[in-house]
C-alpha atoms as a PDB file:
ATOM      1  CA  MET A   1      23.720  25.137 -68.424  1.00  0.00           C
ATOM      2  CA  LEU A   2      23.652  27.368 -65.447  1.00  0.00           C
ATOM      3  CA  ALA A   3      23.798  25.691 -62.042  1.00  0.00           C
ATOM      4  CA  LYS A   4      21.509  27.053 -59.384  1.00  0.00           C
ATOM      5  CA  SER A   5      23.312  28.382 -56.375  1.00  0.00           C
ATOM      6  CA  PRO A   6      22.228  26.735 -53.124  1.00  0.00           C
ATOM      7  CA  ARG A   7      19.870  28.898 -51.189  1.00  0.00           C
ATOM      8  CA  GLY A   8      20.569  29.337 -47.487  1.00  0.00           C
ATOM      9  CA  VAL A   9      18.267  30.075 -44.616  1.00  0.00           C
ATOM     10  CA  SER A  10      17.462  33.727 -44.253  1.00  0.00           C
ATOM     11  CA  LEU A  11      17.741  35.582 -40.980  1.00  0.00           C
ATOM     12  CA  LEU A  12      13.966  36.010 -40.846  1.00  0.00           C
ATOM     13  CA  GLU A  13      13.414  32.247 -41.232  1.00  0.00           C
ATOM     14  CA  THR A  14      15.975  31.540 -38.493  1.00  0.00           C
ATOM     15  CA  VAL A  15      14.254  33.920 -36.074  1.00  0.00           C
ATOM     16  CA  LEU A  16      10.894  32.358 -36.922  1.00  0.00           C
ATOM     17  CA  TYR A  17      12.185  28.821 -36.271  1.00  0.00           C
ATOM     18  CA  ILE A  18      13.747  29.853 -32.961  1.00  0.00           C
ATOM     19  CA  GLY A  19      10.489  31.533 -31.934  1.00  0.00           C
ATOM     20  CA  LEU A  20       8.455  28.414 -32.767  1.00  0.00           C
ATOM     21  CA  LEU A  21      10.866  26.212 -30.830  1.00  0.00           C
ATOM     22  CA  ALA A  22      10.697  28.614 -27.876  1.00  0.00           C
ATOM     23  CA  ILE A  23       6.925  28.171 -27.828  1.00  0.00           C
ATOM     24  CA  ILE A  24       6.706  24.433 -28.551  1.00  0.00           C
ATOM     25  CA  LEU A  25       9.558  23.030 -26.422  1.00  0.00           C
ATOM     26  CA  PRO A  26       8.360  24.320 -23.007  1.00  0.00           C
ATOM     27  CA  ALA A  27       4.819  23.119 -23.729  1.00  0.00           C
ATOM     28  CA  MET A  28       6.138  19.681 -24.684  1.00  0.00           C
ATOM     29  CA  ALA A  29       8.356  19.568 -21.583  1.00  0.00           C
ATOM     30  CA  VAL A  30       5.391  20.406 -19.317  1.00  0.00           C
ATOM     31  CA  PHE A  31       3.237  17.803 -21.065  1.00  0.00           C
ATOM     32  CA  PHE A  32       5.817  15.032 -20.654  1.00  0.00           C
ATOM     33  CA  LEU A  33       6.458  16.016 -17.031  1.00  0.00           C
ATOM     34  CA  GLN A  34       2.734  15.751 -16.271  1.00  0.00           C
ATOM     35  CA  VAL A  35       2.558  12.350 -17.955  1.00  0.00           C
ATOM     36  CA  GLN A  36       5.549  11.190 -15.883  1.00  0.00           C
ATOM     37  CA  LEU A  37       3.992  12.420 -12.608  1.00  0.00           C
ATOM     38  CA  GLN A  38       0.703  10.690 -13.409  1.00  0.00           C
ATOM     39  CA  HIS A  39       2.580   7.485 -14.185  1.00  0.00           C
ATOM     40  CA  VAL A  40       4.471   7.674 -10.883  1.00  0.00           C
ATOM     41  CA  ALA A  41       1.254   8.321  -8.931  1.00  0.00           C
ATOM     42  CA  PHE A  42      -0.446   5.401 -10.679  1.00  0.00           C
ATOM     43  CA  ASP A  43       2.517   3.145  -9.827  1.00  0.00           C
ATOM     44  CA  ALA A  44       2.311   4.176  -6.169  1.00  0.00           C
ATOM     45  CA  ARG A  45      -1.421   3.464  -5.947  1.00  0.00           C
ATOM     46  CA  THR A  46      -0.916   0.142  -7.714  1.00  0.00           C
ATOM     47  CA  ARG A  47       1.849  -0.823  -5.293  1.00  0.00           C
ATOM     48  CA  LEU A  48      -0.362  -0.056  -2.283  1.00  0.00           C
ATOM     49  CA  GLU A  49      -3.263  -2.002  -3.788  1.00  0.00           C
ATOM     50  CA  GLN A  50      -0.973  -4.983  -4.372  1.00  0.00           C
ATOM     51  CA  THR A  51       0.320  -4.754  -0.796  1.00  0.00           C
ATOM     52  CA  ALA A  52      -3.254  -4.741   0.491  1.00  0.00           C
ATOM     53  CA  ALA A  53      -4.218  -7.660  -1.759  1.00  0.00           C
ATOM     54  CA  LEU A  54      -1.268  -9.744  -0.553  1.00  0.00           C
ATOM     55  CA  THR A  55      -2.004  -8.861   3.070  1.00  0.00           C
ATOM     56  CA  PHE A  56      -5.676  -9.802   2.779  1.00  0.00           C
ATOM     57  CA  SER A  57      -4.768 -12.992   0.943  1.00  0.00           C
ATOM     58  CA  GLU A  58      -2.435 -13.989   3.775  1.00  0.00           C
ATOM     59  CA  LEU A  59      -5.123 -13.146   6.332  1.00  0.00           C
ATOM     60  CA  GLN A  60      -7.705 -15.156   4.379  1.00  0.00           C
ATOM     61  CA  ASN A  61      -5.392 -18.174   4.212  1.00  0.00           C
ATOM     62  CA  ASN A  62      -4.658 -18.039   7.928  1.00  0.00           C
ATOM     63  CA  LEU A  63      -8.191 -17.327   9.119  1.00  0.00           C
ATOM     64  CA  THR A  64     -10.032 -19.893   7.012  1.00  0.00           C
ATOM     65  CA  SER A  65      -8.104 -22.647   8.779  1.00  0.00           C
ATOM     66  CA  ALA A  66      -8.335 -21.075  12.247  1.00  0.00           C
ATOM     67  CA  GLN A  67      -9.697 -23.296  14.976  1.00  0.00           C
ATOM     68  CA  THR A  68     -10.309 -20.601  17.571  1.00  0.00           C
ATOM     69  CA  ILE A  69     -10.435 -16.818  17.494  1.00  0.00           C
ATOM     70  CA  THR A  70      -9.248 -15.654  20.920  1.00  0.00           C
ATOM     71  CA  THR A  71     -11.497 -12.643  21.429  1.00  0.00           C
ATOM     72  CA  SER A  72     -10.752 -12.480  25.167  1.00  0.00           C
ATOM     73  CA  THR A  73      -7.077 -11.519  24.682  1.00  0.00           C
ATOM     74  CA  SER A  74      -7.384  -9.828  21.292  1.00  0.00           C
ATOM     75  CA  THR A  75      -7.940  -6.081  21.214  1.00  0.00           C
ATOM     76  CA  LEU A  76     -10.738  -5.807  18.667  1.00  0.00           C
ATOM     77  CA  GLY A  77     -12.670  -2.751  17.561  1.00  0.00           C
ATOM     78  CA  VAL A  78      -9.817  -0.318  18.276  1.00  0.00           C
ATOM     79  CA  ASN A  79      -6.955   1.116  16.234  1.00  0.00           C
ATOM     80  CA  PRO A  80      -4.486  -0.576  16.370  1.00  0.00           C
ATOM     81  CA  SER A  81      -6.050  -3.964  16.924  1.00  0.00           C
ATOM     82  CA  ILE A  82      -4.294  -7.134  17.985  1.00  0.00           C
ATOM     83  CA  LEU A  83      -5.771 -10.362  16.641  1.00  0.00           C
ATOM     84  CA  ARG A  84      -4.994 -13.672  18.350  1.00  0.00           C
ATOM     85  CA  PHE A  85      -6.182 -17.039  17.084  1.00  0.00           C
ATOM     86  CA  THR A  86      -5.217 -20.702  17.011  1.00  0.00           C
ATOM     87  CA  ASN A  87      -4.385 -22.150  13.604  1.00  0.00           C
ATOM     88  CA  SER A  88      -5.136 -25.668  12.343  1.00  0.00           C
ATOM     89  CA  ALA A  89      -1.807 -26.950  13.753  1.00  0.00           C
ATOM     90  CA  GLY A  90      -2.740 -25.715  17.227  1.00  0.00           C
ATOM     91  CA  ALA A  91      -0.208 -22.868  17.253  1.00  0.00           C
ATOM     92  CA  THR A  92      -1.117 -19.438  18.522  1.00  0.00           C
ATOM     93  CA  VAL A  93      -1.033 -16.763  15.810  1.00  0.00           C
ATOM     94  CA  VAL A  94      -0.803 -13.057  16.632  1.00  0.00           C
ATOM     95  CA  ILE A  95      -1.283 -10.283  14.067  1.00  0.00           C
ATOM     96  CA  ASP A  96      -0.411  -6.831  15.352  1.00  0.00           C
ATOM     97  CA  ARG A  97       0.936  -3.468  14.219  1.00  0.00           C
ATOM     98  CA  PRO A  98       4.197  -2.538  15.960  1.00  0.00           C
ATOM     99  CA  THR A  99       6.169   0.622  15.216  1.00  0.00           C
ATOM    100  CA  VAL A 100       9.670  -0.067  13.873  1.00  0.00           C
ATOM    101  CA  SER A 101      12.466   2.271  12.831  1.00  0.00           C
ATOM    102  CA  THR A 102      13.339   2.132   9.134  1.00  0.00           C
ATOM    103  CA  SER A 103      16.382   3.718   7.493  1.00  0.00           C
ATOM    104  CA  PHE A 104      15.930   5.913   4.439  1.00  0.00           C
ATOM    105  CA  PRO A 105      18.676   7.789   2.561  1.00  0.00           C
ATOM    106  CA  SER A 106      17.909  11.005   4.475  1.00  0.00           C
ATOM    107  CA  GLY A 107      17.564   9.351   7.894  1.00  0.00           C
ATOM    108  CA  SER A 108      15.389   7.034   9.953  1.00  0.00           C
ATOM    109  CA  GLN A 109      11.602   7.110  10.206  1.00  0.00           C
ATOM    110  CA  ASN A 110       9.191   5.228  12.427  1.00  0.00           C
ATOM    111  CA  VAL A 111       6.970   2.918  10.395  1.00  0.00           C
ATOM    112  CA  ARG A 112       3.894   1.057  11.626  1.00  0.00           C
ATOM    113  CA  ARG A 113       3.963  -2.385  10.009  1.00  0.00           C
ATOM    114  CA  LEU A 114       1.700  -5.424  10.124  1.00  0.00           C
ATOM    115  CA  ARG A 115       3.399  -8.389  11.759  1.00  0.00           C
ATOM    116  CA  LEU A 116       2.337 -12.041  11.869  1.00  0.00           C
ATOM    117  CA  GLN A 117       3.766 -14.230  14.658  1.00  0.00           C
ATOM    118  CA  THR A 118       3.034 -17.970  14.547  1.00  0.00           C
ATOM    119  CA  GLY A 119       3.940 -19.778  17.761  1.00  0.00           C
ATOM    120  CA  THR A 120       7.644 -19.395  18.541  1.00  0.00           C
ATOM    121  CA  ALA A 121       8.661 -18.999  14.897  1.00  0.00           C
ATOM    122  CA  PRO A 122      10.245 -15.697  13.862  1.00  0.00           C
ATOM    123  CA  ALA A 123       7.769 -12.930  13.111  1.00  0.00           C
ATOM    124  CA  VAL A 124       6.926 -12.212   9.482  1.00  0.00           C
ATOM    125  CA  TYR A 125       6.033  -8.702   8.366  1.00  0.00           C
ATOM    126  CA  LEU A 126       3.039  -8.555   6.048  1.00  0.00           C
ATOM    127  CA  THR A 127       3.840  -5.042   4.793  1.00  0.00           C
ATOM    128  CA  ASP A 128       6.995  -3.537   3.297  1.00  0.00           C
ATOM    129  CA  SER A 129       9.330  -1.399   5.387  1.00  0.00           C
ATOM    130  CA  ASP A 130       8.276   1.782   3.562  1.00  0.00           C
ATOM    131  CA  VAL A 131       4.512   1.177   3.832  1.00  0.00           C
ATOM    132  CA  ASP A 132       3.027   2.780   6.939  1.00  0.00           C
ATOM    133  CA  VAL A 133      -0.128   1.152   8.301  1.00  0.00           C
ATOM    134  CA  ALA A 134      -1.947   4.203   9.654  1.00  0.00           C
ATOM    135  CA  THR A 135      -5.132   2.272  10.452  1.00  0.00           C
ATOM    136  CA  TRP A 136      -5.385  -1.385  11.484  1.00  0.00           C
ATOM    137  CA  GLN A 137      -8.732  -2.127  13.053  1.00  0.00           C
ATOM    138  CA  VAL A 138     -10.269  -5.569  13.399  1.00  0.00           C
ATOM    139  CA  SER A 139     -13.938  -5.911  14.400  1.00  0.00           C
ATOM    140  CA  THR A 140     -16.097  -8.969  14.929  1.00  0.00           C
ATOM    141  CA  ILE A 141     -19.084  -9.831  12.743  1.00  0.00           C
ATOM    142  CA  LYS A 142     -21.780 -11.854  14.493  1.00  0.00           C
ATOM    143  CA  ASN A 143     -25.036 -13.339  13.281  1.00  0.00           C
ATOM    144  CA  SER A 144     -28.448 -12.924  14.920  1.00  0.00           C
ATOM    145  CA  ALA A 145     -27.619 -15.731  17.371  1.00  0.00           C
ATOM    146  CA  ASN A 146     -24.535 -13.758  18.511  1.00  0.00           C
ATOM    147  CA  ILE A 147     -22.170 -16.325  16.969  1.00  0.00           C
ATOM    148  CA  LEU A 148     -18.932 -15.062  15.431  1.00  0.00           C
ATOM    149  CA  THR A 149     -19.160 -15.477  11.639  1.00  0.00           C
ATOM    150  CA  GLY A 150     -16.465 -13.159  10.342  1.00  0.00           C
ATOM    151  CA  LEU A 151     -13.923 -10.444  10.944  1.00  0.00           C
ATOM    152  CA  ARG A 152     -13.991  -6.955   9.457  1.00  0.00           C
ATOM    153  CA  PHE A 153     -10.642  -5.332   8.676  1.00  0.00           C
ATOM    154  CA  SER A 154     -10.297  -1.568   8.258  1.00  0.00           C
ATOM    155  CA  VAL A 155      -6.882  -0.541   6.951  1.00  0.00           C
ATOM    156  CA  ASN A 156      -5.153   2.569   5.686  1.00  0.00           C
ATOM    157  CA  PHE A 157      -1.749   2.205   4.014  1.00  0.00           C
ATOM    158  CA  ALA A 158       0.566   5.079   3.081  1.00  0.00           C
ATOM    159  CA  LEU A 159       3.977   5.104   1.410  1.00  0.00           C
ATOM    160  CA  LEU A 160       6.816   6.688   3.366  1.00  0.00           C
ATOM    161  CA  GLY A 161      10.110   8.073   2.223  1.00  0.00           C
ATOM    162  CA  ALA A 162      12.622  10.839   2.413  1.00  0.00           C
ATOM    163  CA  THR A 163      10.871  13.125  -0.057  1.00  0.00           C
ATOM    164  CA  GLN A 164       7.348  14.437  -0.379  1.00  0.00           C
ATOM    165  CA  SER A 165       7.046  13.552  -4.044  1.00  0.00           C
ATOM    166  CA  VAL A 166       3.766  12.486  -5.582  1.00  0.00           C
ATOM    167  CA  TYR A 167       4.966   8.890  -5.241  1.00  0.00           C
ATOM    168  CA  ARG A 168       5.144   9.230  -1.473  1.00  0.00           C
ATOM    169  CA  LYS A 169       1.760  10.928  -1.100  1.00  0.00           C
ATOM    170  CA  ALA A 170      -0.200   7.830  -2.161  1.00  0.00           C
ATOM    171  CA  THR A 171      -2.579   6.210   0.314  1.00  0.00           C
ATOM    172  CA  PHE A 172      -4.909   3.224   0.193  1.00  0.00           C
ATOM    173  CA  THR A 173      -7.950   2.671   2.421  1.00  0.00           C
ATOM    174  CA  SER A 174     -10.068  -0.476   2.559  1.00  0.00           C
ATOM    175  CA  ASP A 175     -12.781  -2.179   4.594  1.00  0.00           C
ATOM    176  CA  THR A 176     -12.858  -5.924   4.030  1.00  0.00           C
ATOM    177  CA  THR A 177     -14.727  -8.720   5.746  1.00  0.00           C
ATOM    178  CA  ILE A 178     -13.373 -12.254   5.898  1.00  0.00           C
ATOM    179  CA  SER A 179     -15.869 -15.003   6.657  1.00  0.00           C
ATOM    180  CA  LEU A 180     -14.808 -17.628   9.146  1.00  0.00           C
ATOM    181  CA  ALA A 181     -15.281 -21.343   8.689  1.00  0.00           C
ATOM    182  CA  PRO A 182     -18.285 -22.794  10.551  1.00  0.00           C
ATOM    183  CA  GLN A 183     -15.997 -24.858  12.794  1.00  0.00           C
ATOM    184  CA  THR A 184     -14.110 -21.754  14.000  1.00  0.00           C
ATOM    185  CA  ILE A 185     -15.124 -20.841  17.535  1.00  0.00           C
ATOM    186  CA  ALA A 186     -14.606 -17.695  19.590  1.00  0.00           C
ATOM    187  CA  ASN A 187     -13.378 -17.743  23.148  1.00  0.00           C
END
C-alpha cells in the first residue's frame, strides 16, 4: 500500500493567511481598545456618582438632625458656599470647600475638596483627594410663609490626575434638595 506524502502549505496559501491576519488583527486591536476606553470612562463616571451619593448621604444624615441652620454666617447662594449649622449634640458644623495641594506622580495640583468640621474635632474630607469640586453652591428653600424648609445643593465633581486620559475627563453635575426637619430653625 502506498502511503500518502504529507502535503505542506503552499506559498500562495501562506501569503493569503498573512494578508488575512494583516486585515483582521488591526481591526480586532482597535475594537478591543475602544471597548477598554469605554470601560474606563464608565468606571470614572461610576466613581464620581458614588462619590456624590456618599457626599449627599453624609449631608442628609447631618442635616436631618440639625437644630439650627446658621444662615447669618453661612455664605449661601454663591459658589463656593459655606454652610454652618448646629447638630443635635449642640456642636457647630461647618461644610466648606477649601483648596488643598495634592501630590500626583507628575507633580502637585490644587484640588478643591468638600470638608466637614464638627466642633473642635479634626476636619473630615467628604471627597477624595483626586476629585475636584468645581461647583459647591448651597441655596435655601423656603415655603410661602418664608420659613426655611430645605437646602438645595448644586455640585460639579471632576477627576484630576497627571494625564488627560478619558478616565480623567469624567465629570458629574447634580442639583439635589434636602428637606429639613420641622424642628430645624434658621437664624
